[in-house]
Amino acid sequence: MTINKQQNGGALVIKPEGRLDTMTAPELEEEVKRSLDGVTDLTFDFEKLEYVSSAGLRVLFSAYRAMRGQGTMKIVNANEIITEVFDVTGFADVLRTN
């Protein structure tokens, strides 16, 4: 997986590419932990993310919990497969997605 980031003040956009699964979730988790200091608006742009597993969902939920105390988090550009995973698992009710 490739992880691209764009930060503008308190706004951070994280753009993972490839698959977010058991093998790659720890990499994203570490990147998120290193990057959240001072962030008030976190966006995950999933335009180039192909798949998310339960390990990836855990990372996203962890980021969501961290952001609850300091700002907002949203997910944009999720494909049909990822959107279906969010719907089936109930994540769509928790995470703001567009």
PDB file of N, CA and C in Angstrom:
ATOM      1  N   MET A   1       0.848  -1.172   0.000  1.00  0.00           N
ATOM      2  CA  MET A   1       0.000   0.000   0.000  1.00  0.00           C
ATOM      3  C   MET A   1       0.893   1.235   0.000  1.00  0.00           C
ATOM      4  N   THR A   2       0.429   2.233  -0.711  1.00  0.00           N
ATOM      5  CA  THR A   2       1.056   3.552  -0.713  1.00  0.00           C
ATOM      6  C   THR A   2       0.142   4.490   0.055  1.00  0.00           C
ATOM      7  N   ILE A   3       0.735   5.343   0.891  1.00  0.00           N
ATOM      8  CA  ILE A   3      -0.045   6.302   1.669  1.00  0.00           C
ATOM      9  C   ILE A   3       0.446   7.703   1.329  1.00  0.00           C
ATOM     10  N   ASN A   4      -0.430   8.494   0.744  1.00  0.00           N
ATOM     11  CA  ASN A   4      -0.124   9.891   0.446  1.00  0.00           C
ATOM     12  C   ASN A   4      -0.864  10.764   1.447  1.00  0.00           C
ATOM     13  N   LYS A   5      -0.245  11.877   1.832  1.00  0.00           N
ATOM     14  CA  LYS A   5      -0.865  12.800   2.775  1.00  0.00           C
ATOM     15  C   LYS A   5      -0.753  14.225   2.247  1.00  0.00           C
ATOM     16  N   GLN A   6      -1.768  15.014   2.565  1.00  0.00           N
ATOM     17  CA  GLN A   6      -1.756  16.446   2.278  1.00  0.00           C
ATOM     18  C   GLN A   6      -2.263  17.156   3.526  1.00  0.00           C
ATOM     19  N   GLN A   7      -1.465  18.083   4.051  1.00  0.00           N
ATOM     20  CA  GLN A   7      -1.889  18.812   5.235  1.00  0.00           C
ATOM     21  C   GLN A   7      -1.898  20.295   4.943  1.00  0.00           C
ATOM     22  N   ASN A   8      -2.953  20.940   5.414  1.00  0.00           N
ATOM     23  CA  ASN A   8      -3.098  22.381   5.285  1.00  0.00           C
ATOM     24  C   ASN A   8      -3.619  22.881   6.624  1.00  0.00           C
ATOM     25  N   GLY A   9      -2.720  23.341   7.478  1.00  0.00           N
ATOM     26  CA  GLY A   9      -3.120  23.763   8.819  1.00  0.00           C
ATOM     27  C   GLY A   9      -3.651  22.572   9.597  1.00  0.00           C
ATOM     28  N   GLY A  10      -4.864  22.701  10.121  1.00  0.00           N
ATOM     29  CA  GLY A  10      -5.483  21.629  10.899  1.00  0.00           C
ATOM     30  C   GLY A  10      -6.202  20.597  10.060  1.00  0.00           C
ATOM     31  N   ALA A  11      -6.187  20.758   8.741  1.00  0.00           N
ATOM     32  CA  ALA A  11      -6.857  19.807   7.851  1.00  0.00           C
ATOM     33  C   ALA A  11      -5.833  18.824   7.277  1.00  0.00           C
ATOM     34  N   LEU A  12      -6.129  17.547   7.422  1.00  0.00           N
ATOM     35  CA  LEU A  12      -5.254  16.498   6.906  1.00  0.00           C
ATOM     36  C   LEU A  12      -6.059  15.557   6.022  1.00  0.00           C
ATOM     37  N   VAL A  13      -5.532  15.290   4.818  1.00  0.00           N
ATOM     38  CA  VAL A  13      -6.137  14.316   3.907  1.00  0.00           C
ATOM     39  C   VAL A  13      -5.147  13.168   3.772  1.00  0.00           C
ATOM     40  N   ILE A  14      -5.626  11.957   4.058  1.00  0.00           N
ATOM     41  CA  ILE A  14      -4.817  10.746   3.901  1.00  0.00           C
ATOM     42  C   ILE A  14      -5.405   9.954   2.758  1.00  0.00           C
ATOM     43  N   LYS A  15      -4.545   9.624   1.778  1.00  0.00           N
ATOM     44  CA  LYS A  15      -4.988   8.939   0.563  1.00  0.00           C
ATOM     45  C   LYS A  15      -4.246   7.610   0.417  1.00  0.00           C
ATOM     46  N   PRO A  16      -4.808   6.538   0.987  1.00  0.00           N
ATOM     47  CA  PRO A  16      -4.168   5.237   0.801  1.00  0.00           C
ATOM     48  C   PRO A  16      -4.485   4.674  -0.589  1.00  0.00           C
ATOM     49  N   GLU A  17      -3.516   3.946  -1.133  1.00  0.00           N
ATOM     50  CA  GLU A  17      -3.708   3.307  -2.442  1.00  0.00           C
ATOM     51  C   GLU A  17      -3.464   1.813  -2.299  1.00  0.00           C
ATOM     52  N   GLY A  18      -4.302   1.010  -2.960  1.00  0.00           N
ATOM     53  CA  GLY A  18      -4.128  -0.445  -2.926  1.00  0.00           C
ATOM     54  C   GLY A  18      -5.160  -1.100  -2.035  1.00  0.00           C
ATOM     55  N   ARG A  19      -4.682  -1.979  -1.143  1.00  0.00           N
ATOM     56  CA  ARG A  19      -5.560  -2.749  -0.272  1.00  0.00           C
ATOM     57  C   ARG A  19      -5.254  -2.427   1.181  1.00  0.00           C
ATOM     58  N   LEU A  20      -6.306  -2.239   1.965  1.00  0.00           N
ATOM     59  CA  LEU A  20      -6.173  -2.027   3.403  1.00  0.00           C
ATOM     60  C   LEU A  20      -6.621  -3.313   4.078  1.00  0.00           C
ATOM     61  N   ASP A  21      -5.645  -4.151   4.398  1.00  0.00           N
ATOM     62  CA  ASP A  21      -5.947  -5.470   4.952  1.00  0.00           C
ATOM     63  C   ASP A  21      -5.003  -5.785   6.108  1.00  0.00           C
ATOM     64  N   THR A  22      -4.969  -7.033   6.523  1.00  0.00           N
ATOM     65  CA  THR A  22      -4.153  -7.444   7.659  1.00  0.00           C
ATOM     66  C   THR A  22      -2.682  -7.093   7.480  1.00  0.00           C
ATOM     67  N   MET A  23      -2.189  -7.184   6.275  1.00  0.00           N
ATOM     68  CA  MET A  23      -0.780  -6.906   6.013  1.00  0.00           C
ATOM     69  C   MET A  23      -0.457  -5.405   6.008  1.00  0.00           C
ATOM     70  N   THR A  24      -1.385  -4.586   5.570  1.00  0.00           N
ATOM     71  CA  THR A  24      -1.102  -3.151   5.402  1.00  0.00           C
ATOM     72  C   THR A  24      -1.702  -2.265   6.494  1.00  0.00           C
ATOM     73  N   ALA A  25      -2.654  -2.781   7.253  1.00  0.00           N
ATOM     74  CA  ALA A  25      -3.307  -1.976   8.287  1.00  0.00           C
ATOM     75  C   ALA A  25      -2.328  -1.410   9.315  1.00  0.00           C
ATOM     76  N   PRO A  26      -1.321  -2.184   9.778  1.00  0.00           N
ATOM     77  CA  PRO A  26      -0.385  -1.607  10.748  1.00  0.00           C
ATOM     78  C   PRO A  26       0.369  -0.388  10.206  1.00  0.00           C
ATOM     79  N   GLU A  27       0.679  -0.394   8.923  1.00  0.00           N
ATOM     80  CA  GLU A  27       1.363   0.745   8.301  1.00  0.00           C
ATOM     81  C   GLU A  27       0.484   1.998   8.352  1.00  0.00           C
ATOM     82  N   LEU A  28      -0.791   1.845   7.990  1.00  0.00           N
ATOM     83  CA  LEU A  28      -1.701   2.988   8.031  1.00  0.00           C
ATOM     84  C   LEU A  28      -1.924   3.443   9.467  1.00  0.00           C
ATOM     85  N   GLU A  29      -2.047   2.500  10.378  1.00  0.00           N
ATOM     86  CA  GLU A  29      -2.262   2.844  11.777  1.00  0.00           C
ATOM     87  C   GLU A  29      -1.108   3.697  12.319  1.00  0.00           C
ATOM     88  N   GLU A  30       0.115   3.319  12.032  1.00  0.00           N
ATOM     89  CA  GLU A  30       1.267   4.090  12.475  1.00  0.00           C
ATOM     90  C   GLU A  30       1.301   5.478  11.843  1.00  0.00           C
ATOM     91  N   GLU A  31       0.980   5.543  10.565  1.00  0.00           N
ATOM     92  CA  GLU A  31       0.959   6.830   9.872  1.00  0.00           C
ATOM     93  C   GLU A  31      -0.087   7.762  10.473  1.00  0.00           C
ATOM     94  N   VAL A  32      -1.259   7.227  10.783  1.00  0.00           N
ATOM     95  CA  VAL A  32      -2.319   8.037  11.382  1.00  0.00           C
ATOM     96  C   VAL A  32      -1.882   8.528  12.757  1.00  0.00           C
ATOM     97  N   LYS A  33      -1.342   7.635  13.572  1.00  0.00           N
ATOM     98  CA  LYS A  33      -0.899   8.031  14.919  1.00  0.00           C
ATOM     99  C   LYS A  33       0.139   9.144  14.868  1.00  0.00           C
ATOM    100  N   ARG A  34       1.068   9.054  13.930  1.00  0.00           N
ATOM    101  CA  ARG A  34       2.121  10.071  13.798  1.00  0.00           C
ATOM    102  C   ARG A  34       1.584  11.406  13.301  1.00  0.00           C
ATOM    103  N   SER A  35       0.442  11.390  12.646  1.00  0.00           N
ATOM    104  CA  SER A  35      -0.022  12.572  11.913  1.00  0.00           C
ATOM    105  C   SER A  35      -1.133  13.366  12.577  1.00  0.00           C
ATOM    106  N   LEU A  36      -1.756  12.870  13.632  1.00  0.00           N
ATOM    107  CA  LEU A  36      -2.966  13.508  14.162  1.00  0.00           C
ATOM    108  C   LEU A  36      -2.734  14.703  15.074  1.00  0.00           C
ATOM    109  N   ASP A  37      -1.530  14.926  15.521  1.00  0.00           N
ATOM    110  CA  ASP A  37      -1.280  16.036  16.431  1.00  0.00           C
ATOM    111  C   ASP A  37      -1.641  17.366  15.766  1.00  0.00           C
ATOM    112  N   GLY A  38      -2.579  18.081  16.364  1.00  0.00           N
ATOM    113  CA  GLY A  38      -3.000  19.379  15.841  1.00  0.00           C
ATOM    114  C   GLY A  38      -4.026  19.318  14.727  1.00  0.00           C
ATOM    115  N   VAL A  39      -4.436  18.121  14.323  1.00  0.00           N
ATOM    116  CA  VAL A  39      -5.415  17.971  13.238  1.00  0.00           C
ATOM    117  C   VAL A  39      -6.829  18.113  13.802  1.00  0.00           C
ATOM    118  N   THR A  40      -7.627  18.949  13.161  1.00  0.00           N
ATOM    119  CA  THR A  40      -9.022  19.134  13.569  1.00  0.00           C
ATOM    120  C   THR A  40      -9.999  18.641  12.507  1.00  0.00           C
ATOM    121  N   ASP A  41      -9.504  18.384  11.315  1.00  0.00           N
ATOM    122  CA  ASP A  41     -10.346  17.907  10.209  1.00  0.00           C
ATOM    123  C   ASP A  41      -9.572  16.825   9.455  1.00  0.00           C
ATOM    124  N   LEU A  42      -9.950  15.561   9.679  1.00  0.00           N
ATOM    125  CA  LEU A  42      -9.278  14.430   9.049  1.00  0.00           C
ATOM    126  C   LEU A  42     -10.171  13.863   7.956  1.00  0.00           C
ATOM    127  N   THR A  43      -9.614  13.731   6.758  1.00  0.00           N
ATOM    128  CA  THR A  43     -10.333  13.137   5.632  1.00  0.00           C
ATOM    129  C   THR A  43      -9.517  11.965   5.101  1.00  0.00           C
ATOM    130  N   PHE A  44     -10.169  10.823   4.968  1.00  0.00           N
ATOM    131  CA  PHE A  44      -9.581   9.693   4.257  1.00  0.00           C
ATOM    132  C   PHE A  44     -10.165   9.713   2.849  1.00  0.00           C
ATOM    133  N   ASP A  45      -9.312   9.869   1.855  1.00  0.00           N
ATOM    134  CA  ASP A  45      -9.737   9.856   0.459  1.00  0.00           C
ATOM    135  C   ASP A  45      -9.437   8.464  -0.099  1.00  0.00           C
ATOM    136  N   PHE A  46     -10.494   7.698  -0.354  1.00  0.00           N
ATOM    137  CA  PHE A  46     -10.351   6.306  -0.780  1.00  0.00           C
ATOM    138  C   PHE A  46     -10.466   6.136  -2.290  1.00  0.00           C
ATOM    139  N   GLU A  47     -10.205   7.194  -3.038  1.00  0.00           N
ATOM    140  CA  GLU A  47     -10.321   7.125  -4.495  1.00  0.00           C
ATOM    141  C   GLU A  47      -9.503   5.980  -5.084  1.00  0.00           C
ATOM    142  N   LYS A  48      -8.320   5.707  -4.535  1.00  0.00           N
ATOM    143  CA  LYS A  48      -7.455   4.667  -5.085  1.00  0.00           C
ATOM    144  C   LYS A  48      -7.330   3.455  -4.162  1.00  0.00           C
ATOM    145  N   LEU A  49      -8.225   3.362  -3.176  1.00  0.00           N
ATOM    146  CA  LEU A  49      -8.240   2.189  -2.303  1.00  0.00           C
ATOM    147  C   LEU A  49      -9.179   1.160  -2.910  1.00  0.00           C
ATOM    148  N   GLU A  50      -8.685  -0.059  -3.066  1.00  0.00           N
ATOM    149  CA  GLU A  50      -9.453  -1.114  -3.731  1.00  0.00           C
ATOM    150  C   GLU A  50     -10.300  -1.942  -2.773  1.00  0.00           C
ATOM    151  N   TYR A  51      -9.833  -2.104  -1.539  1.00  0.00           N
ATOM    152  CA  TYR A  51     -10.448  -3.073  -0.635  1.00  0.00           C
ATOM    153  C   TYR A  51     -10.128  -2.700   0.802  1.00  0.00           C
ATOM    154  N   VAL A  52     -11.036  -2.995   1.733  1.00  0.00           N
ATOM    155  CA  VAL A  52     -10.777  -2.828   3.159  1.00  0.00           C
ATOM    156  C   VAL A  52     -11.266  -4.073   3.900  1.00  0.00           C
ATOM    157  N   SER A  53     -10.425  -4.607   4.784  1.00  0.00           N
ATOM    158  CA  SER A  53     -10.774  -5.789   5.578  1.00  0.00           C
ATOM    159  C   SER A  53     -11.137  -5.355   6.993  1.00  0.00           C
ATOM    160  N   SER A  54     -11.424  -6.320   7.852  1.00  0.00           N
ATOM    161  CA  SER A  54     -11.750  -6.011   9.241  1.00  0.00           C
ATOM    162  C   SER A  54     -10.573  -5.334   9.944  1.00  0.00           C
ATOM    163  N   ALA A  55      -9.342  -5.694   9.583  1.00  0.00           N
ATOM    164  CA  ALA A  55      -8.170  -5.031  10.163  1.00  0.00           C
ATOM    165  C   ALA A  55      -8.144  -3.555   9.768  1.00  0.00           C
ATOM    166  N   GLY A  56      -8.525  -3.261   8.540  1.00  0.00           N
ATOM    167  CA  GLY A  56      -8.615  -1.877   8.088  1.00  0.00           C
ATOM    168  C   GLY A  56      -9.722  -1.118   8.794  1.00  0.00           C
ATOM    169  N   LEU A  57     -10.850  -1.793   9.022  1.00  0.00           N
ATOM    170  CA  LEU A  57     -11.946  -1.162   9.746  1.00  0.00           C
ATOM    171  C   LEU A  57     -11.516  -0.794  11.158  1.00  0.00           C
ATOM    172  N   ARG A  58     -10.722  -1.643  11.781  1.00  0.00           N
ATOM    173  CA  ARG A  58     -10.233  -1.375  13.124  1.00  0.00           C
ATOM    174  C   ARG A  58      -9.391  -0.094  13.143  1.00  0.00           C
ATOM    175  N   VAL A  59      -8.534   0.072  12.142  1.00  0.00           N
ATOM    176  CA  VAL A  59      -7.703   1.283  12.045  1.00  0.00           C
ATOM    177  C   VAL A  59      -8.586   2.521  11.864  1.00  0.00           C
ATOM    178  N   LEU A  60      -9.581   2.416  11.013  1.00  0.00           N
ATOM    179  CA  LEU A  60     -10.482   3.550  10.777  1.00  0.00           C
ATOM    180  C   LEU A  60     -11.266   3.913  12.030  1.00  0.00           C
ATOM    181  N   PHE A  61     -11.725   2.895  12.758  1.00  0.00           N
ATOM    182  CA  PHE A  61     -12.485   3.165  13.974  1.00  0.00           C
ATOM    183  C   PHE A  61     -11.584   3.781  15.047  1.00  0.00           C
ATOM    184  N   SER A  62     -10.365   3.344  15.097  1.00  0.00           N
ATOM    185  CA  SER A  62      -9.394   3.910  16.035  1.00  0.00           C
ATOM    186  C   SER A  62      -9.152   5.390  15.722  1.00  0.00           C
ATOM    187  N   ALA A  63      -9.010   5.720  14.450  1.00  0.00           N
ATOM    188  CA  ALA A  63      -8.836   7.116  14.037  1.00  0.00           C
ATOM    189  C   ALA A  63     -10.083   7.930  14.372  1.00  0.00           C
ATOM    190  N   TYR A  64     -11.241   7.331  14.162  1.00  0.00           N
ATOM    191  CA  TYR A  64     -12.506   7.999  14.479  1.00  0.00           C
ATOM    192  C   TYR A  64     -12.578   8.339  15.964  1.00  0.00           C
ATOM    193  N   ARG A  65     -12.205   7.379  16.803  1.00  0.00           N
ATOM    194  CA  ARG A  65     -12.236   7.618  18.257  1.00  0.00           C
ATOM    195  C   ARG A  65     -11.257   8.730  18.643  1.00  0.00           C
ATOM    196  N   ALA A  66     -10.086   8.728  18.039  1.00  0.00           N
ATOM    197  CA  ALA A  66      -9.099   9.774  18.336  1.00  0.00           C
ATOM    198  C   ALA A  66      -9.618  11.144  17.915  1.00  0.00           C
ATOM    199  N   MET A  67     -10.295  11.212  16.777  1.00  0.00           N
ATOM    200  CA  MET A  67     -10.775  12.493  16.260  1.00  0.00           C
ATOM    201  C   MET A  67     -12.007  13.005  16.999  1.00  0.00           C
ATOM    202  N   ARG A  68     -12.757  12.140  17.648  1.00  0.00           N
ATOM    203  CA  ARG A  68     -13.941  12.597  18.382  1.00  0.00           C
ATOM    204  C   ARG A  68     -13.591  13.669  19.398  1.00  0.00           C
ATOM    205  N   GLY A  69     -12.416  13.561  19.992  1.00  0.00           N
ATOM    206  CA  GLY A  69     -12.027  14.526  21.008  1.00  0.00           C
ATOM    207  C   GLY A  69     -11.355  15.775  20.467  1.00  0.00           C
ATOM    208  N   GLN A  70     -11.025  15.781  19.168  1.00  0.00           N
ATOM    209  CA  GLN A  70     -10.286  16.942  18.664  1.00  0.00           C
ATOM    210  C   GLN A  70     -10.811  17.517  17.364  1.00  0.00           C
ATOM    211  N   GLY A  71     -11.814  16.892  16.762  1.00  0.00           N
ATOM    212  CA  GLY A  71     -12.336  17.436  15.515  1.00  0.00           C
ATOM    213  C   GLY A  71     -13.230  16.452  14.797  1.00  0.00           C
ATOM    214  N   THR A  72     -13.179  16.489  13.476  1.00  0.00           N
ATOM    215  CA  THR A  72     -14.059  15.659  12.667  1.00  0.00           C
ATOM    216  C   THR A  72     -13.255  14.720  11.773  1.00  0.00           C
ATOM    217  N   MET A  73     -13.915  13.646  11.358  1.00  0.00           N
ATOM    218  CA  MET A  73     -13.313  12.700  10.423  1.00  0.00           C
ATOM    219  C   MET A  73     -14.369  12.299   9.410  1.00  0.00           C
ATOM    220  N   LYS A  74     -13.956  12.203   8.161  1.00  0.00           N
ATOM    221  CA  LYS A  74     -14.869  11.729   7.132  1.00  0.00           C
ATOM    222  C   LYS A  74     -14.097  10.891   6.118  1.00  0.00           C
ATOM    223  N   ILE A  75     -14.845  10.116   5.367  1.00  0.00           N
ATOM    224  CA  ILE A  75     -14.290   9.274   4.308  1.00  0.00           C
ATOM    225  C   ILE A  75     -14.962   9.683   3.015  1.00  0.00           C
ATOM    226  N   VAL A  76     -14.156   9.918   1.976  1.00  0.00           N
ATOM    227  CA  VAL A  76     -14.696  10.312   0.674  1.00  0.00           C
ATOM    228  C   VAL A  76     -14.189   9.359  -0.401  1.00  0.00           C
ATOM    229  N   ASN A  77     -14.923   9.302  -1.489  1.00  0.00           N
ATOM    230  CA  ASN A  77     -14.548   8.559  -2.697  1.00  0.00           C
ATOM    231  C   ASN A  77     -14.386   7.054  -2.484  1.00  0.00           C
ATOM    232  N   ALA A  78     -15.171   6.467  -1.592  1.00  0.00           N
ATOM    233  CA  ALA A  78     -15.118   5.018  -1.391  1.00  0.00           C
ATOM    234  C   ALA A  78     -15.835   4.318  -2.545  1.00  0.00           C
ATOM    235  N   ASN A  79     -15.228   3.254  -3.060  1.00  0.00           N
ATOM    236  CA  ASN A  79     -15.849   2.510  -4.162  1.00  0.00           C
ATOM    237  C   ASN A  79     -17.012   1.657  -3.646  1.00  0.00           C
ATOM    238  N   GLU A  80     -17.692   0.959  -4.554  1.00  0.00           N
ATOM    239  CA  GLU A  80     -18.869   0.167  -4.189  1.00  0.00           C
ATOM    240  C   GLU A  80     -18.533  -0.954  -3.213  1.00  0.00           C
ATOM    241  N   ILE A  81     -17.394  -1.599  -3.398  1.00  0.00           N
ATOM    242  CA  ILE A  81     -17.007  -2.708  -2.530  1.00  0.00           C
ATOM    243  C   ILE A  81     -16.806  -2.211  -1.100  1.00  0.00           C
ATOM    244  N   ILE A  82     -16.092  -1.113  -0.947  1.00  0.00           N
ATOM    245  CA  ILE A  82     -15.838  -0.560   0.380  1.00  0.00           C
ATOM    246  C   ILE A  82     -17.127  -0.032   0.997  1.00  0.00           C
ATOM    247  N   THR A  83     -17.945   0.631   0.213  1.00  0.00           N
ATOM    248  CA  THR A  83     -19.221   1.133   0.708  1.00  0.00           C
ATOM    249  C   THR A  83     -20.098  -0.011   1.197  1.00  0.00           C
ATOM    250  N   GLU A  84     -20.091  -1.119   0.487  1.00  0.00           N
ATOM    251  CA  GLU A  84     -20.873  -2.289   0.912  1.00  0.00           C
ATOM    252  C   GLU A  84     -20.346  -2.843   2.234  1.00  0.00           C
ATOM    253  N   VAL A  85     -19.028  -2.908   2.385  1.00  0.00           N
ATOM    254  CA  VAL A  85     -18.442  -3.362   3.649  1.00  0.00           C
ATOM    255  C   VAL A  85     -18.886  -2.445   4.784  1.00  0.00           C
ATOM    256  N   PHE A  86     -18.865  -1.135   4.568  1.00  0.00           N
ATOM    257  CA  PHE A  86     -19.320  -0.185   5.583  1.00  0.00           C
ATOM    258  C   PHE A  86     -20.793  -0.405   5.925  1.00  0.00           C
ATOM    259  N   ASP A  87     -21.621  -0.642   4.912  1.00  0.00           N
ATOM    260  CA  ASP A  87     -23.049  -0.852   5.140  1.00  0.00           C
ATOM    261  C   ASP A  87     -23.309  -2.132   5.929  1.00  0.00           C
ATOM    262  N   VAL A  88     -22.669  -3.224   5.527  1.00  0.00           N
ATOM    263  CA  VAL A  88     -22.894  -4.530   6.153  1.00  0.00           C
ATOM    264  C   VAL A  88     -22.421  -4.543   7.608  1.00  0.00           C
ATOM    265  N   THR A  89     -21.307  -3.869   7.878  1.00  0.00           N
ATOM    266  CA  THR A  89     -20.739  -3.883   9.227  1.00  0.00           C
ATOM    267  C   THR A  89     -21.316  -2.814  10.148  1.00  0.00           C
ATOM    268  N   GLY A  90     -22.094  -1.892   9.602  1.00  0.00           N
ATOM    269  CA  GLY A  90     -22.649  -0.810  10.403  1.00  0.00           C
ATOM    270  C   GLY A  90     -21.737   0.407  10.488  1.00  0.00           C
ATOM    271  N   PHE A  91     -20.583   0.349   9.848  1.00  0.00           N
ATOM    272  CA  PHE A  91     -19.667   1.487   9.872  1.00  0.00           C
ATOM    273  C   PHE A  91     -20.262   2.704   9.181  1.00  0.00           C
ATOM    274  N   ALA A  92     -21.139   2.499   8.237  1.00  0.00           N
ATOM    275  CA  ALA A  92     -21.755   3.625   7.531  1.00  0.00           C
ATOM    276  C   ALA A  92     -22.557   4.488   8.502  1.00  0.00           C
ATOM    277  N   ASP A  93     -23.089   3.861   9.567  1.00  0.00           N
ATOM    278  CA  ASP A  93     -23.854   4.611  10.551  1.00  0.00           C
ATOM    279  C   ASP A  93     -22.957   5.429  11.466  1.00  0.00           C
ATOM    280  N   VAL A  94     -21.705   5.009  11.610  1.00  0.00           N
ATOM    281  CA  VAL A  94     -20.767   5.662  12.525  1.00  0.00           C
ATOM    282  C   VAL A  94     -19.926   6.701  11.795  1.00  0.00           C
ATOM    283  N   LEU A  95     -19.361   6.299  10.664  1.00  0.00           N
ATOM    284  CA  LEU A  95     -18.436   7.153   9.930  1.00  0.00           C
ATOM    285  C   LEU A  95     -19.186   7.979   8.900  1.00  0.00           C
ATOM    286  N   ARG A  96     -18.814   9.239   8.788  1.00  0.00           N
ATOM    287  CA  ARG A  96     -19.391  10.080   7.728  1.00  0.00           C
ATOM    288  C   ARG A  96     -18.705   9.712   6.437  1.00  0.00           C
ATOM    289  N   THR A  97     -19.476   9.318   5.448  1.00  0.00           N
ATOM    290  CA  THR A  97     -18.921   8.968   4.137  1.00  0.00           C
ATOM    291  C   THR A  97     -19.665   9.727   3.051  1.00  0.00           C
ATOM    292  N   ASN A  98     -18.950  10.085   2.006  1.00  0.00           N
ATOM    293  CA  ASN A  98     -19.581  10.724   0.827  1.00  0.00           C
ATOM    294  C   ASN A  98     -19.088   9.987  -0.386  1.00  0.00           C
TER     295      ASN A  98
END
